[in-house]
Amino acid sequence: DPQDLDYQGQVDGVKAVRSPGSTLKPFLYGLALDKGILTRRTAIEDVPVNYDGYSPTNFDERYDGLVTMSDALARSLNVPAVSTLAKVGIPTFLELLRKGRLSTIQRDQKLLGLSVVLGGCGTRLDELTAMYASLARGGQYVAPRWTRRDALGDTTQLLSPEASWILTDILLQRNRPDMPSNVHLTPSVPVVAWKTGTSYGRRDAWSIGYNADYTVGVWVGNFTGVGVPDLSGSTVATPLMFDIFSSLGRSGHDVWHQRPSRLDIRYVCSVTGNVPGDSCKDIVLDDFIPMISPALECNHIREVFVNSRGTVSYCTDCLPQRGWKRQLFINLPPAILTFLRDEHLRIAVPPPHESSCTRIERDGSIAIVSPTEGKEYILEDEGERRLLLQCHTSADATTVYWYLNDVFITSAPPGGNVLVKPHAGNNTVTVTDNRGRSATVSFTATVW
């Protein structure tokens, strides 16, 4: 009611700029599919992470270690989405949103960072709904018309038909957290693909769905920007979206989600989503785009030379002539190993390397996660003013050695936290493991 001043009746909610919550995630994953960064079965790290001081968390503040892209999108996980955006690149993603006619992205693009995919930007209901309509058209965006007399809008191919089909196939799933709990009370739930979103502070609830005939966008919230404790896209906006689809009637297209002929299938490792290696035992089918999708061979199972008792490992430089055997170990990324250690979850790791071996490994499987390269840290002058040192290591690392400004500080087990007292100004931290692998970062400390 435009005359209802108590409830901001004269505010045009369709064109109001609001935080989109998680509703931009499908377009990020679609872009990653088209860039050959991942497939729907690709495993993405879901662990605590720090991007130059920005540490995203999932809605439930829990982590799974590794999740597939399909699962990350269906469950709307935040950490894998930010990880994917870091690989795609912020400018590349913003360019896609700009091509999708999100007007505020063009205006604010210099201010946007990794949080954009979690709702750290502004969008309009009409513009975001038009972007979702492109997924029903095989990735083709068509500028919306408001009356039949309006000229046909310009068209732009945002995503490939193959990426759009994969996204739609995921968003059609009903066994997911944002499915309304009371949906079983609805006599006939429409078959639609949809995505929800809830902004920070529960100020905005979104649900946008589409089928062959219609795209429906729903936003719920206060125009004053005041949050509502129980407001969420799944509990408030999605039931309304389903009700609207039910009132529109059944789609005239019984089969509208047709698989593109170019989209192929292949076997991949169920753990990593990569092409199976010789040691991969569990394989599953995965969709892939020929000549585009990644074709990395899986190496999550690693063969290690060990002595007959399995207490010492060898490389080719120190392998004895006899008394050794081959043994398989899980080969996980350093960040996942750190996560498992922090969660007190045990996995079999290779035994310590032969102590007399002089070979130095240089495979880069050690990384400093704190402090961050090139950053300034503000430390209080009073007290200890300690700075936390943390690193990720590979499974065969048994000890790490920390240095501050080329002075040895201490040794620690992998995953152990070390506190140091840097001096004011420029500092350098180096960590080395027992295999000779090392990493170095430089930072500035300012004392107050």
Protein backbone atom coordinates (compact mmCIF):
# COMPACT_ATOMS: atom_id res chain seq x y z
CA ASP A 1 0.00 0.00 0.00
CA PRO A 2 1.79 3.20 -1.16
CA GLN A 3 -0.17 5.19 1.40
CA ASP A 4 1.04 3.08 4.35
CA LEU A 5 3.75 5.34 5.74
CA ASP A 6 4.22 3.25 8.88
CA TYR A 7 5.60 0.39 6.78
CA GLN A 8 7.44 2.44 4.13
CA GLY A 9 4.73 1.80 1.56
CA GLN A 10 6.28 4.21 -0.95
CA VAL A 11 9.59 2.36 -1.07
CA ASP A 12 10.06 0.47 -4.36
CA GLY A 13 11.22 -2.85 -2.94
CA VAL A 14 11.87 -4.34 -6.37
CA LYS A 15 14.56 -1.76 -7.08
CA ALA A 16 15.84 -1.32 -3.52
CA VAL A 17 19.52 -2.20 -3.10
CA ARG A 18 19.93 -5.02 -0.58
CA SER A 19 22.59 -7.54 0.42
CA PRO A 20 22.05 -10.72 -1.67
CA GLY A 21 23.32 -13.16 0.94
CA SER A 22 24.33 -16.43 -0.76
CA THR A 23 22.33 -15.96 -3.96
CA LEU A 24 25.42 -15.16 -6.08
CA LYS A 25 27.11 -18.51 -5.36
CA PRO A 26 25.62 -20.40 -8.35
CA PHE A 27 27.12 -17.87 -10.77
CA LEU A 28 30.55 -18.18 -9.17
CA TYR A 29 30.51 -21.96 -9.46
CA GLY A 30 29.20 -21.71 -13.02
CA LEU A 31 32.10 -19.44 -13.90
CA ALA A 32 34.54 -21.88 -12.27
CA LEU A 33 33.03 -24.69 -14.37
CA ASP A 34 33.49 -22.69 -17.56
CA LYS A 35 37.06 -21.69 -16.62
CA GLY A 36 38.10 -25.31 -16.14
CA ILE A 37 38.82 -24.80 -12.44
CA LEU A 38 36.53 -27.56 -11.18
CA THR A 39 33.71 -30.00 -11.90
CA ARG A 40 30.70 -30.81 -9.75
CA ARG A 41 32.67 -33.65 -8.09
CA THR A 42 35.84 -31.63 -7.44
CA ALA A 43 36.80 -31.61 -3.74
CA ILE A 44 37.11 -28.14 -2.20
CA GLU A 45 38.76 -27.45 1.16
CA ASP A 46 36.30 -26.57 3.92
CA VAL A 47 38.65 -25.68 6.77
CA PRO A 48 39.46 -22.55 8.80
CA VAL A 49 41.41 -20.18 6.58
CA ASN A 50 42.73 -16.63 6.63
CA TYR A 51 42.88 -14.41 3.55
CA ASP A 52 45.00 -11.43 4.58
CA GLY A 53 42.96 -10.96 7.73
CA TYR A 54 39.61 -12.10 6.30
CA SER A 55 38.44 -15.41 7.80
CA PRO A 56 35.08 -16.59 6.41
CA THR A 57 33.00 -19.07 8.40
CA ASN A 58 30.09 -21.29 7.49
CA PHE A 59 26.58 -20.48 8.68
CA ASP A 60 26.71 -23.21 11.33
CA GLU A 61 30.36 -22.40 12.19
CA ARG A 62 31.38 -25.98 11.43
CA TYR A 63 33.79 -27.43 8.85
CA ASP A 64 33.83 -30.67 6.91
CA GLY A 65 37.45 -30.78 5.70
CA LEU A 66 36.71 -31.66 2.06
CA VAL A 67 33.41 -31.24 0.20
CA THR A 68 32.44 -31.57 -3.44
CA MET A 69 31.41 -28.49 -5.38
CA SER A 70 27.92 -29.95 -5.72
CA ASP A 71 27.62 -30.41 -1.97
CA ALA A 72 29.09 -26.97 -1.25
CA LEU A 73 26.46 -25.31 -3.44
CA ALA A 74 23.52 -27.44 -2.28
CA ARG A 75 24.41 -26.74 1.35
CA SER A 76 25.41 -23.13 0.61
CA LEU A 77 28.73 -23.42 2.45
CA ASN A 78 30.64 -20.15 2.75
CA VAL A 79 34.26 -21.28 3.09
CA PRO A 80 34.38 -23.33 -0.16
CA ALA A 81 32.69 -20.45 -2.01
CA VAL A 82 35.34 -17.97 -0.89
CA SER A 83 38.06 -20.49 -1.75
CA THR A 84 36.61 -20.84 -5.25
CA LEU A 85 36.39 -17.06 -5.67
CA ALA A 86 40.06 -16.77 -4.71
CA LYS A 87 40.90 -19.17 -7.57
CA VAL A 88 38.54 -17.58 -10.10
CA GLY A 89 39.68 -14.06 -9.22
CA ILE A 90 37.58 -11.18 -7.94
CA PRO A 91 37.83 -9.06 -11.15
CA THR A 92 36.74 -12.03 -13.29
CA PHE A 93 33.71 -12.70 -11.10
CA LEU A 94 32.73 -9.03 -10.94
CA GLU A 95 32.91 -8.85 -14.73
CA LEU A 96 30.38 -11.70 -14.96
CA LEU A 97 28.05 -9.87 -12.56
CA ARG A 98 28.48 -6.68 -14.56
CA LYS A 99 27.55 -8.57 -17.75
CA GLY A 100 24.48 -9.78 -15.85
CA ARG A 101 23.45 -6.12 -15.47
CA LEU A 102 23.84 -5.90 -11.70
CA SER A 103 24.10 -2.12 -11.69
CA THR A 104 25.53 -1.70 -8.20
CA ILE A 105 28.48 -3.99 -9.04
CA GLN A 106 29.63 -1.59 -11.76
CA ARG A 107 29.39 1.29 -9.33
CA ASP A 108 31.08 -0.38 -6.35
CA GLN A 109 33.54 -2.79 -8.00
CA LYS A 110 36.66 -1.05 -6.65
CA LEU A 111 35.35 -1.52 -3.09
CA LEU A 112 34.44 -5.22 -3.35
CA GLY A 113 36.51 -8.16 -2.12
CA LEU A 114 36.18 -11.86 -1.36
CA SER A 115 33.08 -11.28 0.76
CA VAL A 116 31.10 -10.31 -2.35
CA VAL A 117 30.09 -13.94 -2.91
CA LEU A 118 28.65 -14.09 0.62
CA GLY A 119 26.53 -10.98 0.20
CA GLY A 120 29.15 -8.28 0.76
CA CYS A 121 27.67 -6.12 -1.98
CA GLY A 122 24.32 -4.66 -3.02
CA THR A 123 21.83 -6.03 -5.56
CA ARG A 124 18.26 -5.37 -6.68
CA LEU A 125 15.47 -7.94 -6.78
CA ASP A 126 14.58 -7.26 -10.41
CA GLU A 127 18.20 -7.48 -11.61
CA LEU A 128 19.06 -10.59 -9.62
CA THR A 129 15.90 -12.37 -10.77
CA ALA A 130 16.79 -11.58 -14.39
CA MET A 131 20.21 -13.18 -13.87
CA TYR A 132 18.59 -16.36 -12.55
CA ALA A 133 16.34 -16.46 -15.60
CA SER A 134 19.49 -16.89 -17.68
CA LEU A 135 20.11 -20.29 -16.05
CA ALA A 136 16.78 -21.52 -17.43
CA ARG A 137 17.88 -20.34 -20.90
CA GLY A 138 21.14 -22.26 -20.92
CA GLY A 139 23.17 -19.34 -19.63
CA GLN A 140 21.76 -16.69 -21.98
CA TYR A 141 20.85 -13.41 -20.30
CA VAL A 142 17.99 -11.40 -21.79
CA ALA A 143 17.29 -7.90 -20.51
CA PRO A 144 13.79 -7.92 -18.97
CA ARG A 145 10.77 -6.12 -20.50
CA TRP A 146 8.12 -4.58 -18.29
CA THR A 147 5.33 -4.42 -20.90
CA ARG A 148 4.60 -6.28 -24.11
CA ARG A 149 5.10 -3.04 -26.02
CA ASP A 150 8.72 -2.78 -24.89
CA ALA A 151 11.35 -3.77 -27.42
CA LEU A 152 13.14 -7.08 -26.94
CA GLY A 153 16.11 -6.67 -24.63
CA ASP A 154 19.75 -7.29 -25.45
CA THR A 155 21.07 -10.82 -25.00
CA THR A 156 24.38 -11.90 -23.47
CA GLN A 157 25.80 -15.38 -22.90
CA LEU A 158 26.76 -15.37 -19.23
CA LEU A 159 27.50 -19.07 -18.78
CA SER A 160 27.74 -22.04 -21.10
CA PRO A 161 24.72 -24.34 -21.54
CA GLU A 162 26.79 -27.10 -19.92
CA ALA A 163 27.57 -25.09 -16.77
CA SER A 164 23.97 -23.88 -16.58
CA TRP A 165 22.67 -27.45 -16.79
CA ILE A 166 24.99 -28.63 -13.99
CA LEU A 167 23.94 -25.73 -11.76
CA THR A 168 20.27 -26.38 -12.45
CA ASP A 169 20.71 -30.09 -11.75
CA ILE A 170 22.17 -29.23 -8.34
CA LEU A 171 19.57 -26.57 -7.55
CA LEU A 172 16.76 -29.01 -8.39
CA GLN A 173 17.78 -31.22 -5.45
CA ARG A 174 15.33 -31.26 -2.56
CA ASN A 175 17.38 -33.10 0.03
CA ARG A 176 19.23 -30.00 1.25
CA PRO A 177 19.25 -27.73 4.31
CA ASP A 178 17.28 -24.86 2.75
CA MET A 179 14.26 -27.03 1.91
CA PRO A 180 11.39 -25.72 4.08
CA SER A 181 10.55 -28.13 6.88
CA ASN A 182 6.79 -27.79 6.27
CA VAL A 183 6.98 -28.47 2.54
CA HIS A 184 5.36 -31.87 3.04
CA LEU A 185 2.15 -30.02 3.92
CA THR A 186 1.94 -28.60 0.40
CA PRO A 187 -0.32 -30.76 -1.81
CA SER A 188 1.84 -30.42 -4.90
CA VAL A 189 5.30 -28.90 -4.64
CA PRO A 190 6.33 -27.36 -7.97
CA VAL A 191 9.41 -28.76 -9.68
CA VAL A 192 11.74 -25.76 -9.71
CA ALA A 193 15.43 -25.07 -9.29
CA TRP A 194 16.03 -22.52 -6.57
CA LYS A 195 18.59 -20.87 -4.32
CA THR A 196 18.11 -19.08 -1.04
CA GLY A 197 20.06 -16.32 0.66
CA THR A 198 20.14 -14.71 4.09
CA SER A 199 22.12 -11.54 4.65
CA TYR A 200 24.35 -10.72 7.61
CA GLY A 201 22.27 -9.74 10.62
CA ARG A 202 19.19 -11.44 9.12
CA ARG A 203 18.14 -8.22 7.41
CA ASP A 204 17.30 -9.86 4.08
CA ALA A 205 15.74 -13.21 3.13
CA TRP A 206 15.87 -14.32 -0.51
CA SER A 207 14.55 -17.20 -2.55
CA ILE A 208 14.81 -17.24 -6.34
CA GLY A 209 13.48 -20.16 -8.37
CA TYR A 210 12.98 -20.98 -12.02
CA ASN A 211 11.56 -23.53 -14.42
CA ALA A 212 11.02 -23.55 -18.17
CA ASP A 213 8.27 -20.92 -18.07
CA TYR A 214 8.86 -18.64 -15.10
CA THR A 215 11.51 -17.21 -12.84
CA VAL A 216 10.27 -16.01 -9.46
CA GLY A 217 12.28 -13.86 -7.08
CA VAL A 218 11.20 -13.25 -3.49
CA TRP A 219 12.77 -10.83 -1.02
CA VAL A 220 11.55 -10.46 2.56
CA GLY A 221 12.80 -7.91 5.06
CA ASN A 222 12.36 -4.46 6.58
CA PHE A 223 13.01 -1.44 4.37
CA THR A 224 14.49 0.19 7.46
CA GLY A 225 17.27 -2.42 7.44
CA VAL A 226 16.38 -3.74 10.89
CA GLY A 227 17.15 -7.44 11.27
CA VAL A 228 14.64 -10.07 12.37
CA PRO A 229 15.95 -12.93 14.58
CA ASP A 230 14.12 -15.75 12.76
CA LEU A 231 14.36 -14.33 9.24
CA SER A 232 15.98 -16.63 6.66
CA GLY A 233 15.58 -17.43 3.01
CA SER A 234 14.61 -21.06 3.64
CA THR A 235 11.97 -20.50 6.33
CA VAL A 236 10.32 -17.30 5.07
CA ALA A 237 11.10 -16.55 1.42
CA THR A 238 11.08 -20.08 -0.03
CA PRO A 239 7.53 -21.02 1.08
CA LEU A 240 6.31 -17.82 -0.59
CA MET A 241 8.25 -18.67 -3.73
CA PHE A 242 6.69 -22.15 -3.88
CA ASP A 243 3.23 -20.68 -3.31
CA ILE A 244 3.70 -18.31 -6.24
CA PHE A 245 4.78 -21.13 -8.53
CA SER A 246 1.76 -23.17 -7.43
CA SER A 247 -0.57 -20.29 -8.28
CA LEU A 248 1.03 -19.93 -11.73
CA GLY A 249 0.06 -23.47 -12.63
CA ARG A 250 2.09 -26.37 -13.86
CA SER A 251 4.74 -25.75 -16.48
CA GLY A 252 3.69 -26.55 -20.01
CA HIS A 253 7.05 -28.22 -20.54
CA ASP A 254 7.13 -31.67 -18.97
CA VAL A 255 10.81 -32.08 -19.89
CA TRP A 256 12.62 -28.77 -19.70
CA HIS A 257 15.86 -29.70 -18.00
CA GLN A 258 17.46 -31.36 -21.02
CA ARG A 259 21.11 -32.36 -20.86
CA PRO A 260 23.32 -30.54 -23.44
CA SER A 261 24.76 -32.91 -26.02
CA ARG A 262 28.28 -31.53 -25.47
CA LEU A 263 28.30 -32.42 -21.77
CA ASP A 264 30.07 -35.74 -21.24
CA ILE A 265 30.61 -38.11 -18.30
CA ARG A 266 33.70 -39.82 -16.94
CA TYR A 267 34.91 -41.76 -13.93
CA VAL A 268 36.68 -39.80 -11.19
CA CYS A 269 38.07 -40.51 -7.74
CA SER A 270 35.30 -40.19 -5.15
CA VAL A 271 37.66 -38.41 -2.73
CA THR A 272 39.20 -35.71 -4.93
CA GLY A 273 37.04 -35.60 -8.05
CA ASN A 274 40.18 -35.97 -10.18
CA VAL A 275 40.85 -38.55 -12.88
CA PRO A 276 41.53 -41.82 -11.00
CA GLY A 277 45.14 -42.75 -10.34
CA ASP A 278 46.49 -46.29 -10.17
CA SER A 279 45.78 -46.51 -6.43
CA CYS A 280 42.25 -45.05 -6.42
CA LYS A 281 39.76 -47.71 -5.32
CA ASP A 282 36.46 -45.80 -5.07
CA ILE A 283 35.41 -44.18 -8.33
CA VAL A 284 32.18 -42.43 -9.31
CA LEU A 285 30.70 -40.83 -12.43
CA ASP A 286 31.08 -37.10 -12.96
CA ASP A 287 29.89 -34.61 -15.57
CA PHE A 288 32.61 -32.79 -17.47
CA ILE A 289 32.95 -30.33 -20.33
CA PRO A 290 35.38 -31.74 -22.93
CA MET A 291 38.49 -29.63 -23.56
CA ILE A 292 37.57 -27.36 -20.63
CA SER A 293 37.15 -29.33 -17.39
CA PRO A 294 40.35 -30.10 -15.44
CA ALA A 295 41.95 -33.46 -16.13
CA LEU A 296 44.36 -33.75 -13.20
CA GLU A 297 45.29 -37.28 -12.18
CA CYS A 298 44.45 -38.09 -8.59
CA ASN A 299 47.36 -38.51 -6.17
CA HIS A 300 45.53 -38.70 -2.86
CA ILE A 301 47.05 -42.14 -2.33
CA ARG A 302 50.84 -42.03 -2.07
CA GLU A 303 53.26 -44.95 -2.31
CA VAL A 304 56.07 -44.76 0.25
CA PHE A 305 59.16 -46.92 0.71
CA VAL A 306 59.36 -48.12 4.34
CA ASN A 307 61.46 -50.61 6.24
CA SER A 308 60.11 -54.07 6.96
CA ARG A 309 58.65 -52.92 10.32
CA GLY A 310 57.12 -49.78 8.86
CA THR A 311 58.97 -47.48 11.27
CA VAL A 312 61.27 -45.65 8.80
CA SER A 313 60.57 -44.24 5.34
CA TYR A 314 63.00 -43.85 2.46
CA CYS A 315 63.38 -41.90 -0.74
CA THR A 316 65.28 -43.10 -3.80
CA ASP A 317 68.47 -41.47 -2.48
CA CYS A 318 68.56 -43.44 0.78
CA LEU A 319 66.70 -46.62 -0.19
CA PRO A 320 68.70 -49.65 1.02
CA GLN A 321 69.29 -52.65 -1.20
CA ARG A 322 67.12 -54.91 0.93
CA GLY A 323 64.81 -54.86 3.94
CA TRP A 324 62.20 -52.47 2.53
CA LYS A 325 58.67 -52.65 1.19
CA ARG A 326 56.10 -50.42 -0.49
CA GLN A 327 53.20 -49.04 1.59
CA LEU A 328 50.27 -46.84 0.63
CA PHE A 329 49.32 -43.74 2.64
CA ILE A 330 46.62 -41.10 2.24
CA ASN A 331 48.21 -37.99 0.72
CA LEU A 332 46.13 -35.03 1.91
CA PRO A 333 46.78 -31.29 1.39
CA PRO A 334 48.66 -29.61 4.26
CA ALA A 335 45.62 -27.52 5.25
CA ILE A 336 43.50 -30.66 5.61
CA LEU A 337 46.17 -32.36 7.72
CA THR A 338 46.26 -29.35 10.03
CA PHE A 339 42.46 -29.43 10.29
CA LEU A 340 42.45 -33.14 11.16
CA ARG A 341 45.13 -32.60 13.82
CA ASP A 342 43.15 -29.72 15.32
CA GLU A 343 40.03 -31.91 15.37
CA HIS A 344 42.03 -34.73 17.01
CA LEU A 345 41.23 -37.05 14.10
CA ARG A 346 43.96 -39.56 13.41
CA ILE A 347 45.03 -40.85 10.01
CA ALA A 348 47.95 -43.09 9.09
CA VAL A 349 50.94 -40.98 8.03
CA PRO A 350 54.32 -42.10 6.68
CA PRO A 351 56.91 -42.92 9.38
CA PRO A 352 59.87 -40.56 9.94
CA HIS A 353 62.34 -40.35 7.08
CA GLU A 354 65.74 -42.03 7.29
CA SER A 355 67.74 -39.72 9.57
CA SER A 356 70.99 -40.10 7.62
CA CYS A 357 69.42 -39.01 4.31
CA THR A 358 70.95 -35.80 2.95
CA ARG A 359 68.36 -35.12 0.27
CA ILE A 360 66.43 -31.82 0.60
CA GLU A 361 62.83 -31.83 -0.57
CA ARG A 362 61.57 -28.83 -2.52
CA ASP A 363 57.98 -29.73 -3.36
CA GLY A 364 56.51 -26.65 -1.67
CA SER A 365 54.31 -28.64 0.74
CA ILE A 366 54.88 -26.29 3.66
CA ALA A 367 53.20 -22.91 4.05
CA ILE A 368 53.07 -20.25 6.73
CA VAL A 369 49.49 -19.24 7.53
CA SER A 370 50.34 -16.83 10.37
CA PRO A 371 51.71 -14.19 10.07
CA THR A 372 50.54 -13.11 6.62
CA GLU A 373 52.98 -11.92 3.98
CA GLY A 374 53.26 -8.13 3.71
CA LYS A 375 50.81 -7.32 6.50
CA GLU A 376 51.16 -4.88 9.39
CA TYR A 377 50.44 -6.12 12.91
CA ILE A 378 49.56 -3.74 15.72
CA LEU A 379 50.95 -4.98 19.04
CA GLU A 380 50.51 -3.48 22.49
CA ASP A 381 53.65 -2.09 24.06
CA GLU A 382 52.69 -3.45 27.46
CA GLY A 383 52.95 -7.12 28.31
CA GLU A 384 54.37 -9.84 26.11
CA ARG A 385 53.03 -8.51 22.76
CA ARG A 386 53.36 -11.99 21.31
CA LEU A 387 52.55 -12.95 17.70
CA LEU A 388 51.20 -16.39 16.75
CA LEU A 389 53.18 -18.53 14.29
CA GLN A 390 51.31 -21.26 12.42
CA CYS A 391 52.05 -23.37 9.34
CA HIS A 392 50.61 -26.18 7.21
CA THR A 393 52.87 -29.15 6.49
CA SER A 394 52.77 -32.40 4.55
CA ALA A 395 52.05 -35.74 6.19
CA ASP A 396 55.70 -36.85 6.34
CA ALA A 397 56.81 -33.82 8.37
CA THR A 398 57.50 -34.71 12.00
CA THR A 399 59.13 -31.50 13.26
CA VAL A 400 59.18 -27.86 12.17
CA TYR A 401 61.83 -25.29 13.05
CA TRP A 402 60.97 -21.60 13.43
CA TYR A 403 63.28 -18.64 12.81
CA LEU A 404 62.64 -14.94 13.47
CA ASN A 405 64.89 -12.57 11.55
CA ASP A 406 67.27 -15.50 10.83
CA VAL A 407 67.57 -16.36 14.53
CA PHE A 408 66.39 -19.82 15.61
CA ILE A 409 63.41 -19.60 17.96
CA THR A 410 62.18 -23.12 18.66
CA SER A 411 61.13 -26.45 17.21
CA ALA A 412 57.58 -27.76 17.38
CA PRO A 413 55.41 -30.61 16.10
CA PRO A 414 53.40 -29.99 12.92
CA GLY A 415 50.27 -28.05 13.75
CA GLY A 416 51.72 -26.75 16.99
CA ASN A 417 51.32 -23.06 17.81
CA VAL A 418 54.35 -20.93 18.60
CA LEU A 419 54.36 -17.41 20.08
CA VAL A 420 57.17 -14.94 19.33
CA LYS A 421 57.97 -11.36 20.24
CA PRO A 422 58.85 -9.46 17.03
CA HIS A 423 60.66 -6.13 17.21
CA ALA A 424 59.09 -2.91 15.93
CA GLY A 425 59.51 -2.48 12.18
CA ASN A 426 60.21 -5.07 9.50
CA ASN A 427 60.45 -8.74 10.45
CA THR A 428 60.99 -12.03 8.64
CA VAL A 429 59.73 -15.45 9.76
CA THR A 430 61.02 -18.72 8.29
CA VAL A 431 59.87 -22.26 8.98
CA THR A 432 61.69 -25.44 7.94
CA ASP A 433 60.58 -29.03 8.40
CA ASN A 434 62.66 -32.13 9.00
CA ARG A 435 62.83 -32.82 5.24
CA GLY A 436 64.42 -29.44 4.50
CA ARG A 437 61.32 -27.81 3.00
CA SER A 438 60.97 -24.18 3.99
CA ALA A 439 58.76 -21.11 3.65
CA THR A 440 59.35 -17.46 4.50
CA VAL A 441 57.12 -14.43 5.01
CA SER A 442 57.88 -10.80 5.80
CA PHE A 443 55.68 -8.49 7.86
CA THR A 444 55.72 -5.25 9.82
CA ALA A 445 55.12 -4.89 13.54
CA THR A 446 53.90 -1.59 15.00
CA VAL A 447 54.06 -1.22 18.76
CA TRP A 448 51.51 0.97 20.55
